[in-house]
PDB file of all heavy atoms in Angstrom:
ATOM      1  N   ILE A   1       8.316   3.939 -15.660  1.00  0.00           N
ATOM      2  CA  ILE A   1       8.453   3.662 -14.123  1.00  0.00           C
ATOM      3  C   ILE A   1       9.427   2.495 -13.970  1.00  0.00           C
ATOM      4  O   ILE A   1      10.377   2.600 -13.163  1.00  0.00           O
ATOM      5  CB  ILE A   1       7.191   3.409 -13.489  1.00  0.00           C
ATOM      6  CG1 ILE A   1       6.207   4.646 -13.627  1.00  0.00           C
ATOM      7  CG2 ILE A   1       7.356   3.042 -11.990  1.00  0.00           C
ATOM      8  CD1 ILE A   1       6.870   5.966 -12.981  1.00  0.00           C
ATOM      9  N   ALA A   2       9.133   1.409 -14.671  1.00  0.00           N
ATOM     10  CA  ALA A   2      10.015   0.182 -14.534  1.00  0.00           C
ATOM     11  C   ALA A   2       9.769  -0.720 -15.781  1.00  0.00           C
ATOM     12  O   ALA A   2       8.688  -0.651 -16.367  1.00  0.00           O
ATOM     13  CB  ALA A   2       9.675  -0.543 -13.256  1.00  0.00           C
ATOM     14  N   ASN A   3      10.757  -1.507 -16.131  1.00  0.00           N
ATOM     15  CA  ASN A   3      10.568  -2.491 -17.128  1.00  0.00           C
ATOM     16  C   ASN A   3      11.461  -3.684 -16.841  1.00  0.00           C
ATOM     17  O   ASN A   3      12.416  -3.583 -16.034  1.00  0.00           O
ATOM     18  CB  ASN A   3      10.775  -1.941 -18.510  1.00  0.00           C
ATOM     19  CG  ASN A   3      12.162  -1.252 -18.712  1.00  0.00           C
ATOM     20  OD1 ASN A   3      13.153  -1.868 -18.325  1.00  0.00           O
ATOM     21  ND2 ASN A   3      12.169  -0.055 -19.316  1.00  0.00           N
ATOM     22  N   ILE A   4      11.176  -4.794 -17.467  1.00  0.00           N
ATOM     23  CA  ILE A   4      11.906  -6.009 -17.314  1.00  0.00           C
ATOM     24  C   ILE A   4      12.030  -6.630 -18.692  1.00  0.00           C
ATOM     25  O   ILE A   4      11.071  -6.768 -19.424  1.00  0.00           O
ATOM     26  CB  ILE A   4      11.272  -6.970 -16.327  1.00  0.00           C
ATOM     27  CG1 ILE A   4      12.057  -8.264 -16.153  1.00  0.00           C
ATOM     28  CG2 ILE A   4       9.774  -7.269 -16.725  1.00  0.00           C
ATOM     29  CD1 ILE A   4      11.577  -9.128 -14.977  1.00  0.00           C
ATOM     30  N   THR A   5      13.266  -7.063 -18.996  1.00  0.00           N
ATOM     31  CA  THR A   5      13.567  -7.613 -20.324  1.00  0.00           C
ATOM     32  C   THR A   5      13.344  -9.116 -20.335  1.00  0.00           C
ATOM     33  O   THR A   5      13.088  -9.675 -19.310  1.00  0.00           O
ATOM     34  CB  THR A   5      15.000  -7.256 -20.686  1.00  0.00           C
ATOM     35  OG1 THR A   5      15.943  -7.843 -19.833  1.00  0.00           O
ATOM     36  CG2 THR A   5      15.218  -5.717 -20.730  1.00  0.00           C
ATOM     37  N   ARG A   6      13.489  -9.671 -21.483  1.00  0.00           N
ATOM     38  CA  ARG A   6      13.358 -11.128 -21.671  1.00  0.00           C
ATOM     39  C   ARG A   6      14.219 -11.935 -20.757  1.00  0.00           C
ATOM     40  O   ARG A   6      13.746 -12.955 -20.235  1.00  0.00           O
ATOM     41  CB  ARG A   6      13.516 -11.494 -23.078  1.00  0.00           C
ATOM     42  CG  ARG A   6      13.252 -12.955 -23.393  1.00  0.00           C
ATOM     43  CD  ARG A   6      13.458 -13.219 -24.910  1.00  0.00           C
ATOM     44  NE  ARG A   6      14.835 -12.859 -25.290  1.00  0.00           N
ATOM     45  CZ  ARG A   6      15.162 -12.803 -26.530  1.00  0.00           C
ATOM     46  NH1 ARG A   6      14.338 -12.953 -27.480  1.00  0.00           N
ATOM     47  NH2 ARG A   6      16.470 -12.478 -26.812  1.00  0.00           N
ATOM     48  N   ASP A   7      15.429 -11.431 -20.569  1.00  0.00           N
ATOM     49  CA  ASP A   7      16.364 -12.220 -19.819  1.00  0.00           C
ATOM     50  C   ASP A   7      16.326 -11.865 -18.320  1.00  0.00           C
ATOM     51  O   ASP A   7      17.119 -12.354 -17.479  1.00  0.00           O
ATOM     52  CB  ASP A   7      17.831 -11.961 -20.266  1.00  0.00           C
ATOM     53  CG  ASP A   7      18.239 -10.502 -20.095  1.00  0.00           C
ATOM     54  OD1 ASP A   7      17.533  -9.699 -19.568  1.00  0.00           O
ATOM     55  OD2 ASP A   7      19.483 -10.195 -20.431  1.00  0.00           O
ATOM     56  N   GLY A   8      15.406 -11.069 -17.855  1.00  0.00           N
ATOM     57  CA  GLY A   8      15.132 -10.793 -16.509  1.00  0.00           C
ATOM     58  C   GLY A   8      15.803  -9.555 -15.953  1.00  0.00           C
ATOM     59  O   GLY A   8      15.691  -9.214 -14.779  1.00  0.00           O
ATOM     60  N   THR A   9      16.431  -8.811 -16.842  1.00  0.00           N
ATOM     61  CA  THR A   9      17.018  -7.592 -16.328  1.00  0.00           C
ATOM     62  C   THR A   9      15.947  -6.464 -16.036  1.00  0.00           C
ATOM     63  O   THR A   9      14.982  -6.327 -16.851  1.00  0.00           O
ATOM     64  CB  THR A   9      17.976  -6.953 -17.479  1.00  0.00           C
ATOM     65  OG1 THR A   9      18.987  -7.928 -17.722  1.00  0.00           O
ATOM     66  CG2 THR A   9      18.602  -5.629 -17.015  1.00  0.00           C
ATOM     67  N   VAL A  10      16.042  -5.844 -14.864  1.00  0.00           N
ATOM     68  CA  VAL A  10      15.031  -4.888 -14.493  1.00  0.00           C
ATOM     69  C   VAL A  10      15.642  -3.497 -14.437  1.00  0.00           C
ATOM     70  O   VAL A  10      16.854  -3.359 -14.191  1.00  0.00           O
ATOM     71  CB  VAL A  10      14.361  -5.248 -13.105  1.00  0.00           C
ATOM     72  CG1 VAL A  10      13.706  -6.603 -13.174  1.00  0.00           C
ATOM     73  CG2 VAL A  10      15.509  -5.270 -12.061  1.00  0.00           C
ATOM     74  N   ASN A  11      14.810  -2.468 -14.721  1.00  0.00           N
ATOM     75  CA  ASN A  11      15.215  -1.146 -14.650  1.00  0.00           C
ATOM     76  C   ASN A  11      14.130  -0.321 -13.964  1.00  0.00           C
ATOM     77  O   ASN A  11      12.951  -0.566 -14.096  1.00  0.00           O
ATOM     78  CB  ASN A  11      15.415  -0.508 -16.074  1.00  0.00           C
ATOM     79  CG  ASN A  11      16.582  -1.340 -16.740  1.00  0.00           C
ATOM     80  OD1 ASN A  11      17.653  -1.001 -16.655  1.00  0.00           O
ATOM     81  ND2 ASN A  11      16.198  -2.238 -17.726  1.00  0.00           N
ATOM     82  N   TYR A  12      14.448   0.700 -13.191  1.00  0.00           N
ATOM     83  CA  TYR A  12      13.587   1.478 -12.446  1.00  0.00           C
ATOM     84  C   TYR A  12      13.958   2.953 -12.617  1.00  0.00           C
ATOM     85  O   TYR A  12      15.097   3.336 -12.737  1.00  0.00           O
ATOM     86  CB  TYR A  12      13.635   1.294 -10.947  1.00  0.00           C
ATOM     87  CG  TYR A  12      13.167  -0.163 -10.632  1.00  0.00           C
ATOM     88  CD1 TYR A  12      14.128  -1.195 -10.338  1.00  0.00           C
ATOM     89  CD2 TYR A  12      11.815  -0.509 -10.420  1.00  0.00           C
ATOM     90  CE1 TYR A  12      13.688  -2.491 -10.045  1.00  0.00           C
ATOM     91  CE2 TYR A  12      11.439  -1.759 -10.071  1.00  0.00           C
ATOM     92  CZ  TYR A  12      12.403  -2.764  -9.884  1.00  0.00           C
ATOM     93  OH  TYR A  12      11.976  -4.072  -9.585  1.00  0.00           O
ATOM     94  N   ALA A  13      12.894   3.827 -12.647  1.00  0.00           N
ATOM     95  CA  ALA A  13      13.106   5.270 -12.614  1.00  0.00           C
ATOM     96  C   ALA A  13      13.651   5.613 -11.158  1.00  0.00           C
ATOM     97  O   ALA A  13      13.298   4.926 -10.244  1.00  0.00           O
ATOM     98  CB  ALA A  13      11.722   5.940 -12.766  1.00  0.00           C
ATOM     99  N   ASP A  14      14.538   6.590 -11.192  1.00  0.00           N
ATOM    100  CA  ASP A  14      15.036   6.930  -9.911  1.00  0.00           C
ATOM    101  C   ASP A  14      14.108   7.252  -8.738  1.00  0.00           C
ATOM    102  O   ASP A  14      14.310   6.998  -7.611  1.00  0.00           O
ATOM    103  CB  ASP A  14      15.963   8.195 -10.121  1.00  0.00           C
ATOM    104  CG  ASP A  14      17.242   7.883 -10.928  1.00  0.00           C
ATOM    105  OD1 ASP A  14      17.586   6.666 -11.004  1.00  0.00           O
ATOM    106  OD2 ASP A  14      17.883   8.814 -11.351  1.00  0.00           O
ATOM    107  N   SER A  15      12.966   7.808  -9.179  1.00  0.00           N
ATOM    108  CA  SER A  15      11.914   8.187  -8.211  1.00  0.00           C
ATOM    109  C   SER A  15      11.299   7.011  -7.470  1.00  0.00           C
ATOM    110  O   SER A  15      10.666   7.281  -6.510  1.00  0.00           O
ATOM    111  CB  SER A  15      10.856   9.015  -8.910  1.00  0.00           C
ATOM    112  OG  SER A  15      10.216   8.374  -9.883  1.00  0.00           O
ATOM    113  N   VAL A  16      11.397   5.865  -8.081  1.00  0.00           N
ATOM    114  CA  VAL A  16      10.727   4.706  -7.413  1.00  0.00           C
ATOM    115  C   VAL A  16      11.721   3.622  -6.977  1.00  0.00           C
ATOM    116  O   VAL A  16      11.283   2.663  -6.331  1.00  0.00           O
ATOM    117  CB  VAL A  16       9.671   4.125  -8.376  1.00  0.00           C
ATOM    118  CG1 VAL A  16       8.679   5.125  -8.864  1.00  0.00           C
ATOM    119  CG2 VAL A  16      10.376   3.402  -9.551  1.00  0.00           C
ATOM    120  N   LYS A  17      12.991   3.809  -7.141  1.00  0.00           N
ATOM    121  CA  LYS A  17      13.925   2.816  -6.743  1.00  0.00           C
ATOM    122  C   LYS A  17      13.832   2.579  -5.188  1.00  0.00           C
ATOM    123  O   LYS A  17      13.822   3.587  -4.421  1.00  0.00           O
ATOM    124  CB  LYS A  17      15.363   3.211  -7.049  1.00  0.00           C
ATOM    125  CG  LYS A  17      15.589   3.091  -8.542  1.00  0.00           C
ATOM    126  CD  LYS A  17      17.091   3.466  -8.877  1.00  0.00           C
ATOM    127  CE  LYS A  17      17.408   3.400 -10.319  1.00  0.00           C
ATOM    128  NZ  LYS A  17      18.757   3.829 -10.669  1.00  0.00           N
ATOM    129  N   GLY A  18      13.865   1.339  -4.754  1.00  0.00           N
ATOM    130  CA  GLY A  18      13.664   0.953  -3.396  1.00  0.00           C
ATOM    131  C   GLY A  18      12.326   0.941  -2.892  1.00  0.00           C
ATOM    132  O   GLY A  18      12.074   0.430  -1.741  1.00  0.00           O
ATOM    133  N   ARG A  19      11.348   1.433  -3.681  1.00  0.00           N
ATOM    134  CA  ARG A  19       9.959   1.350  -3.255  1.00  0.00           C
ATOM    135  C   ARG A  19       9.060   0.451  -4.149  1.00  0.00           C
ATOM    136  O   ARG A  19       8.182  -0.168  -3.691  1.00  0.00           O
ATOM    137  CB  ARG A  19       9.362   2.786  -3.289  1.00  0.00           C
ATOM    138  CG  ARG A  19      10.033   3.689  -2.387  1.00  0.00           C
ATOM    139  CD  ARG A  19       9.305   5.060  -2.241  1.00  0.00           C
ATOM    140  NE  ARG A  19       9.213   5.756  -3.487  1.00  0.00           N
ATOM    141  CZ  ARG A  19       8.164   6.093  -4.150  1.00  0.00           C
ATOM    142  NH1 ARG A  19       6.963   5.723  -3.585  1.00  0.00           N
ATOM    143  NH2 ARG A  19       8.177   6.755  -5.295  1.00  0.00           N
ATOM    144  N   PHE A  20       9.357   0.389  -5.480  1.00  0.00           N
ATOM    145  CA  PHE A  20       8.569  -0.327  -6.354  1.00  0.00           C
ATOM    146  C   PHE A  20       9.405  -1.570  -6.809  1.00  0.00           C
ATOM    147  O   PHE A  20      10.561  -1.546  -6.944  1.00  0.00           O
ATOM    148  CB  PHE A  20       8.220   0.470  -7.607  1.00  0.00           C
ATOM    149  CG  PHE A  20       7.230   1.564  -7.361  1.00  0.00           C
ATOM    150  CD1 PHE A  20       6.883   1.966  -6.099  1.00  0.00           C
ATOM    151  CD2 PHE A  20       6.625   2.234  -8.419  1.00  0.00           C
ATOM    152  CE1 PHE A  20       5.940   3.002  -5.898  1.00  0.00           C
ATOM    153  CE2 PHE A  20       5.748   3.229  -8.287  1.00  0.00           C
ATOM    154  CZ  PHE A  20       5.369   3.687  -7.029  1.00  0.00           C
ATOM    155  N   THR A  21       8.596  -2.654  -7.143  1.00  0.00           N
ATOM    156  CA  THR A  21       9.209  -3.834  -7.647  1.00  0.00           C
ATOM    157  C   THR A  21       8.413  -4.384  -8.851  1.00  0.00           C
ATOM    158  O   THR A  21       7.150  -4.589  -8.693  1.00  0.00           O
ATOM    159  CB  THR A  21       9.322  -4.932  -6.564  1.00  0.00           C
ATOM    160  OG1 THR A  21      10.033  -4.522  -5.459  1.00  0.00           O
ATOM    161  CG2 THR A  21      10.012  -6.168  -7.149  1.00  0.00           C
ATOM    162  N   ILE A  22       9.077  -4.622  -9.956  1.00  0.00           N
ATOM    163  CA  ILE A  22       8.331  -5.138 -11.061  1.00  0.00           C
ATOM    164  C   ILE A  22       8.679  -6.625 -11.195  1.00  0.00           C
ATOM    165  O   ILE A  22       9.773  -7.060 -10.842  1.00  0.00           O
ATOM    166  CB  ILE A  22       8.874  -4.497 -12.402  1.00  0.00           C
ATOM    167  CG1 ILE A  22       8.029  -4.923 -13.600  1.00  0.00           C
ATOM    168  CG2 ILE A  22      10.350  -4.667 -12.681  1.00  0.00           C
ATOM    169  CD1 ILE A  22       8.296  -4.126 -14.867  1.00  0.00           C
ATOM    170  N   SER A  23       7.763  -7.486 -11.580  1.00  0.00           N
ATOM    171  CA  SER A  23       7.918  -8.897 -11.609  1.00  0.00           C
ATOM    172  C   SER A  23       6.935  -9.460 -12.685  1.00  0.00           C
ATOM    173  O   SER A  23       5.979  -8.705 -13.219  1.00  0.00           O
ATOM    174  CB  SER A  23       7.646  -9.616 -10.272  1.00  0.00           C
ATOM    175  OG  SER A  23       6.337  -9.369  -9.813  1.00  0.00           O
ATOM    176  N   ARG A  24       7.009 -10.738 -12.921  1.00  0.00           N
ATOM    177  CA  ARG A  24       6.135 -11.361 -13.883  1.00  0.00           C
ATOM    178  C   ARG A  24       5.923 -12.867 -13.465  1.00  0.00           C
ATOM    179  O   ARG A  24       6.858 -13.471 -12.918  1.00  0.00           O
ATOM    180  CB  ARG A  24       6.682 -11.231 -15.366  1.00  0.00           C
ATOM    181  CG  ARG A  24       8.015 -11.967 -15.514  1.00  0.00           C
ATOM    182  CD  ARG A  24       8.585 -11.658 -16.898  1.00  0.00           C
ATOM    183  NE  ARG A  24       9.895 -12.208 -16.986  1.00  0.00           N
ATOM    184  CZ  ARG A  24      10.771 -11.897 -17.915  1.00  0.00           C
ATOM    185  NH1 ARG A  24      10.491 -11.015 -18.891  1.00  0.00           N
ATOM    186  NH2 ARG A  24      11.940 -12.502 -18.064  1.00  0.00           N
ATOM    187  N   ASP A  25       4.848 -13.358 -13.891  1.00  0.00           N
ATOM    188  CA  ASP A  25       4.493 -14.727 -13.665  1.00  0.00           C
ATOM    189  C   ASP A  25       4.112 -15.339 -14.987  1.00  0.00           C
ATOM    190  O   ASP A  25       3.022 -15.181 -15.412  1.00  0.00           O
ATOM    191  CB  ASP A  25       3.421 -14.976 -12.658  1.00  0.00           C
ATOM    192  CG  ASP A  25       3.126 -16.440 -12.274  1.00  0.00           C
ATOM    193  OD1 ASP A  25       3.402 -17.317 -13.104  1.00  0.00           O
ATOM    194  OD2 ASP A  25       2.651 -16.640 -11.096  1.00  0.00           O
ATOM    195  N   ASN A  26       5.039 -16.002 -15.639  1.00  0.00           N
ATOM    196  CA  ASN A  26       4.868 -16.535 -17.034  1.00  0.00           C
ATOM    197  C   ASN A  26       3.674 -17.551 -16.990  1.00  0.00           C
ATOM    198  O   ASN A  26       2.964 -17.599 -18.039  1.00  0.00           O
ATOM    199  CB  ASN A  26       6.176 -17.200 -17.528  1.00  0.00           C
ATOM    200  CG  ASN A  26       7.216 -16.171 -17.809  1.00  0.00           C
ATOM    201  OD1 ASN A  26       6.988 -14.941 -18.012  1.00  0.00           O
ATOM    202  ND2 ASN A  26       8.483 -16.655 -17.724  1.00  0.00           N
ATOM    203  N   ALA A  27       3.576 -18.317 -15.953  1.00  0.00           N
ATOM    204  CA  ALA A  27       2.518 -19.388 -16.035  1.00  0.00           C
ATOM    205  C   ALA A  27       1.126 -18.748 -16.010  1.00  0.00           C
ATOM    206  O   ALA A  27       0.157 -19.359 -16.485  1.00  0.00           O
ATOM    207  CB  ALA A  27       2.649 -20.292 -14.809  1.00  0.00           C
ATOM    208  N   LYS A  28       1.051 -17.549 -15.411  1.00  0.00           N
ATOM    209  CA  LYS A  28      -0.275 -16.893 -15.378  1.00  0.00           C
ATOM    210  C   LYS A  28      -0.483 -15.796 -16.449  1.00  0.00           C
ATOM    211  O   LYS A  28      -1.426 -15.117 -16.497  1.00  0.00           O
ATOM    212  CB  LYS A  28      -0.514 -16.208 -13.976  1.00  0.00           C
ATOM    213  CG  LYS A  28      -0.509 -17.212 -12.919  1.00  0.00           C
ATOM    214  CD  LYS A  28      -0.716 -16.523 -11.564  1.00  0.00           C
ATOM    215  CE  LYS A  28      -0.872 -17.551 -10.362  1.00  0.00           C
ATOM    216  NZ  LYS A  28      -0.984 -16.861  -9.086  1.00  0.00           N
ATOM    217  N   ASN A  29       0.586 -15.610 -17.315  1.00  0.00           N
ATOM    218  CA  ASN A  29       0.565 -14.562 -18.271  1.00  0.00           C
ATOM    219  C   ASN A  29       0.297 -13.200 -17.685  1.00  0.00           C
ATOM    220  O   ASN A  29      -0.570 -12.386 -18.200  1.00  0.00           O
ATOM    221  CB  ASN A  29      -0.365 -14.829 -19.424  1.00  0.00           C
ATOM    222  CG  ASN A  29       0.119 -15.962 -20.313  1.00  0.00           C
ATOM    223  OD1 ASN A  29       1.389 -16.208 -20.394  1.00  0.00           O
ATOM    224  ND2 ASN A  29      -0.814 -16.560 -21.068  1.00  0.00           N
ATOM    225  N   THR A  30       0.883 -12.891 -16.569  1.00  0.00           N
ATOM    226  CA  THR A  30       0.547 -11.729 -15.757  1.00  0.00           C
ATOM    227  C   THR A  30       1.913 -11.053 -15.327  1.00  0.00           C
ATOM    228  O   THR A  30       2.821 -11.739 -14.811  1.00  0.00           O
ATOM    229  CB  THR A  30      -0.260 -12.061 -14.582  1.00  0.00           C
ATOM    230  OG1 THR A  30      -1.508 -12.696 -15.091  1.00  0.00           O
ATOM    231  CG2 THR A  30      -0.678 -10.710 -13.926  1.00  0.00           C
ATOM    232  N   GLY A  31       1.972  -9.746 -15.449  1.00  0.00           N
ATOM    233  CA  GLY A  31       3.006  -8.877 -14.885  1.00  0.00           C
ATOM    234  C   GLY A  31       2.470  -8.139 -13.626  1.00  0.00           C
ATOM    235  O   GLY A  31       1.275  -7.935 -13.545  1.00  0.00           O
ATOM    236  N   TYR A  32       3.417  -7.747 -12.806  1.00  0.00           N
ATOM    237  CA  TYR A  32       3.015  -7.050 -11.598  1.00  0.00           C
ATOM    238  C   TYR A  32       3.846  -5.861 -11.331  1.00  0.00           C
ATOM    239  O   TYR A  32       4.979  -5.751 -11.758  1.00  0.00           O
ATOM    240  CB  TYR A  32       3.165  -8.055 -10.373  1.00  0.00           C
ATOM    241  CG  TYR A  32       2.334  -9.278 -10.469  1.00  0.00           C
ATOM    242  CD1 TYR A  32       2.842 -10.450 -10.974  1.00  0.00           C
ATOM    243  CD2 TYR A  32       0.882  -9.257 -10.136  1.00  0.00           C
ATOM    244  CE1 TYR A  32       2.143 -11.556 -11.095  1.00  0.00           C
ATOM    245  CE2 TYR A  32       0.186 -10.435 -10.245  1.00  0.00           C
ATOM    246  CZ  TYR A  32       0.786 -11.544 -10.716  1.00  0.00           C
ATOM    247  OH  TYR A  32       0.051 -12.711 -10.822  1.00  0.00           O
ATOM    248  N   LEU A  33       3.298  -4.923 -10.564  1.00  0.00           N
ATOM    249  CA  LEU A  33       4.090  -3.787 -10.115  1.00  0.00           C
ATOM    250  C   LEU A  33       3.708  -3.651  -8.650  1.00  0.00           C
ATOM    251  O   LEU A  33       2.557  -3.175  -8.328  1.00  0.00           O
ATOM    252  CB  LEU A  33       3.946  -2.484 -10.768  1.00  0.00           C
ATOM    253  CG  LEU A  33       4.745  -1.369 -10.373  1.00  0.00           C
ATOM    254  CD1 LEU A  33       6.245  -1.576 -10.720  1.00  0.00           C
ATOM    255  CD2 LEU A  33       4.241   0.002 -10.971  1.00  0.00           C
ATOM    256  N   GLN A  34       4.587  -4.053  -7.742  1.00  0.00           N
ATOM    257  CA  GLN A  34       4.310  -3.867  -6.274  1.00  0.00           C
ATOM    258  C   GLN A  34       4.823  -2.484  -5.918  1.00  0.00           C
ATOM    259  O   GLN A  34       6.034  -2.177  -6.109  1.00  0.00           O
ATOM    260  CB  GLN A  34       5.091  -4.986  -5.432  1.00  0.00           C
ATOM    261  CG  GLN A  34       4.997  -4.765  -3.911  1.00  0.00           C
ATOM    262  CD  GLN A  34       3.558  -5.029  -3.493  1.00  0.00           C
ATOM    263  OE1 GLN A  34       2.906  -5.993  -3.841  1.00  0.00           O
ATOM    264  NE2 GLN A  34       3.132  -4.152  -2.632  1.00  0.00           N
ATOM    265  N   MET A  35       3.969  -1.690  -5.400  1.00  0.00           N
ATOM    266  CA  MET A  35       4.252  -0.346  -5.013  1.00  0.00           C
ATOM    267  C   MET A  35       4.133  -0.146  -3.403  1.00  0.00           C
ATOM    268  O   MET A  35       3.045  -0.203  -2.898  1.00  0.00           O
ATOM    269  CB  MET A  35       3.316   0.665  -5.692  1.00  0.00           C
ATOM    270  CG  MET A  35       3.309   0.457  -7.183  1.00  0.00           C
ATOM    271  SD  MET A  35       2.318   1.767  -8.071  1.00  0.00           S
ATOM    272  CE  MET A  35       0.682   1.316  -7.379  1.00  0.00           C
ATOM    273  N   ASN A  36       5.249   0.177  -2.758  1.00  0.00           N
ATOM    274  CA  ASN A  36       5.254   0.438  -1.328  1.00  0.00           C
ATOM    275  C   ASN A  36       5.645   1.835  -1.015  1.00  0.00           C
ATOM    276  O   ASN A  36       6.279   2.545  -1.848  1.00  0.00           O
ATOM    277  CB  ASN A  36       6.242  -0.547  -0.735  1.00  0.00           C
ATOM    278  CG  ASN A  36       5.951  -2.019  -0.895  1.00  0.00           C
ATOM    279  OD1 ASN A  36       4.703  -2.354  -0.907  1.00  0.00           O
ATOM    280  ND2 ASN A  36       6.889  -2.806  -1.031  1.00  0.00           N
ATOM    281  N   ASP A  37       5.309   2.278   0.150  1.00  0.00           N
ATOM    282  CA  ASP A  37       5.639   3.599   0.587  1.00  0.00           C
ATOM    283  C   ASP A  37       5.214   4.611  -0.428  1.00  0.00           C
ATOM    284  O   ASP A  37       6.008   5.460  -0.792  1.00  0.00           O
ATOM    285  CB  ASP A  37       7.061   3.743   0.934  1.00  0.00           C
ATOM    286  CG  ASP A  37       7.471   4.990   1.632  1.00  0.00           C
ATOM    287  OD1 ASP A  37       6.572   5.553   2.296  1.00  0.00           O
ATOM    288  OD2 ASP A  37       8.627   5.378   1.584  1.00  0.00           O
ATOM    289  N   LEU A  38       3.973   4.554  -0.782  1.00  0.00           N
ATOM    290  CA  LEU A  38       3.438   5.443  -1.826  1.00  0.00           C
ATOM    291  C   LEU A  38       3.541   6.901  -1.388  1.00  0.00           C
ATOM    292  O   LEU A  38       3.209   7.210  -0.204  1.00  0.00           O
ATOM    293  CB  LEU A  38       2.112   5.033  -2.288  1.00  0.00           C
ATOM    294  CG  LEU A  38       1.998   3.749  -3.163  1.00  0.00           C
ATOM    295  CD1 LEU A  38       0.663   3.184  -3.263  1.00  0.00           C
ATOM    296  CD2 LEU A  38       2.441   4.165  -4.631  1.00  0.00           C
ATOM    297  N   LYS A  39       3.767   7.809  -2.351  1.00  0.00           N
ATOM    298  CA  LYS A  39       3.800   9.286  -2.136  1.00  0.00           C
ATOM    299  C   LYS A  39       2.724   9.882  -2.980  1.00  0.00           C
ATOM    300  O   LYS A  39       2.326   9.375  -4.069  1.00  0.00           O
ATOM    301  CB  LYS A  39       5.178   9.701  -2.406  1.00  0.00           C
ATOM    302  CG  LYS A  39       6.278   9.071  -1.655  1.00  0.00           C
ATOM    303  CD  LYS A  39       7.660   9.587  -2.026  1.00  0.00           C
ATOM    304  CE  LYS A  39       8.759   8.783  -1.326  1.00  0.00           C
ATOM    305  NZ  LYS A  39       8.644   9.013   0.199  1.00  0.00           N
ATOM    306  N   PRO A  40       2.271  11.128  -2.618  1.00  0.00           N
ATOM    307  CA  PRO A  40       1.369  11.813  -3.457  1.00  0.00           C
ATOM    308  C   PRO A  40       1.872  11.994  -4.869  1.00  0.00           C
ATOM    309  O   PRO A  40       1.086  12.021  -5.849  1.00  0.00           O
ATOM    310  CB  PRO A  40       1.250  13.211  -2.767  1.00  0.00           C
ATOM    311  CG  PRO A  40       1.414  12.847  -1.372  1.00  0.00           C
ATOM    312  CD  PRO A  40       2.548  11.769  -1.305  1.00  0.00           C
ATOM    313  N   GLU A  41       3.178  12.104  -5.061  1.00  0.00           N
ATOM    314  CA  GLU A  41       3.780  12.335  -6.360  1.00  0.00           C
ATOM    315  C   GLU A  41       3.678  11.124  -7.180  1.00  0.00           C
ATOM    316  O   GLU A  41       3.885  11.191  -8.404  1.00  0.00           O
ATOM    317  CB  GLU A  41       5.242  12.687  -6.266  1.00  0.00           C
ATOM    318  CG  GLU A  41       5.557  14.027  -5.615  1.00  0.00           C
ATOM    319  CD  GLU A  41       5.292  14.108  -4.080  1.00  0.00           C
ATOM    320  OE1 GLU A  41       5.406  12.999  -3.465  1.00  0.00           O
ATOM    321  OE2 GLU A  41       4.979  15.142  -3.586  1.00  0.00           O
ATOM    322  N   ASP A  42       3.226   9.922  -6.636  1.00  0.00           N
ATOM    323  CA  ASP A  42       3.051   8.712  -7.423  1.00  0.00           C
ATOM    324  C   ASP A  42       1.649   8.728  -8.105  1.00  0.00           C
ATOM    325  O   ASP A  42       1.351   7.733  -8.853  1.00  0.00           O
ATOM    326  CB  ASP A  42       3.124   7.463  -6.471  1.00  0.00           C
ATOM    327  CG  ASP A  42       4.581   7.315  -5.985  1.00  0.00           C
ATOM    328  OD1 ASP A  42       5.576   7.596  -6.695  1.00  0.00           O
ATOM    329  OD2 ASP A  42       4.692   6.939  -4.787  1.00  0.00           O
ATOM    330  N   THR A  43       0.846   9.683  -7.795  1.00  0.00           N
ATOM    331  CA  THR A  43      -0.528   9.726  -8.380  1.00  0.00           C
ATOM    332  C   THR A  43      -0.442   9.836  -9.889  1.00  0.00           C
ATOM    333  O   THR A  43       0.360  10.526 -10.430  1.00  0.00           O
ATOM    334  CB  THR A  43      -1.322  10.940  -7.786  1.00  0.00           C
ATOM    335  OG1 THR A  43      -1.504  10.749  -6.452  1.00  0.00           O
ATOM    336  CG2 THR A  43      -2.591  11.107  -8.480  1.00  0.00           C
TER     337      THR A  43
END
């Protein structure tokens, strides 16, 4: 669906571009995927 490299480069599947955002918080050792405008096909 999405990935982010060590240098911060992000990639998204065409089906989620403009709707999903991948991010990370190094201080919290946590990654995130913000999903907006969800569709049934995202199930």
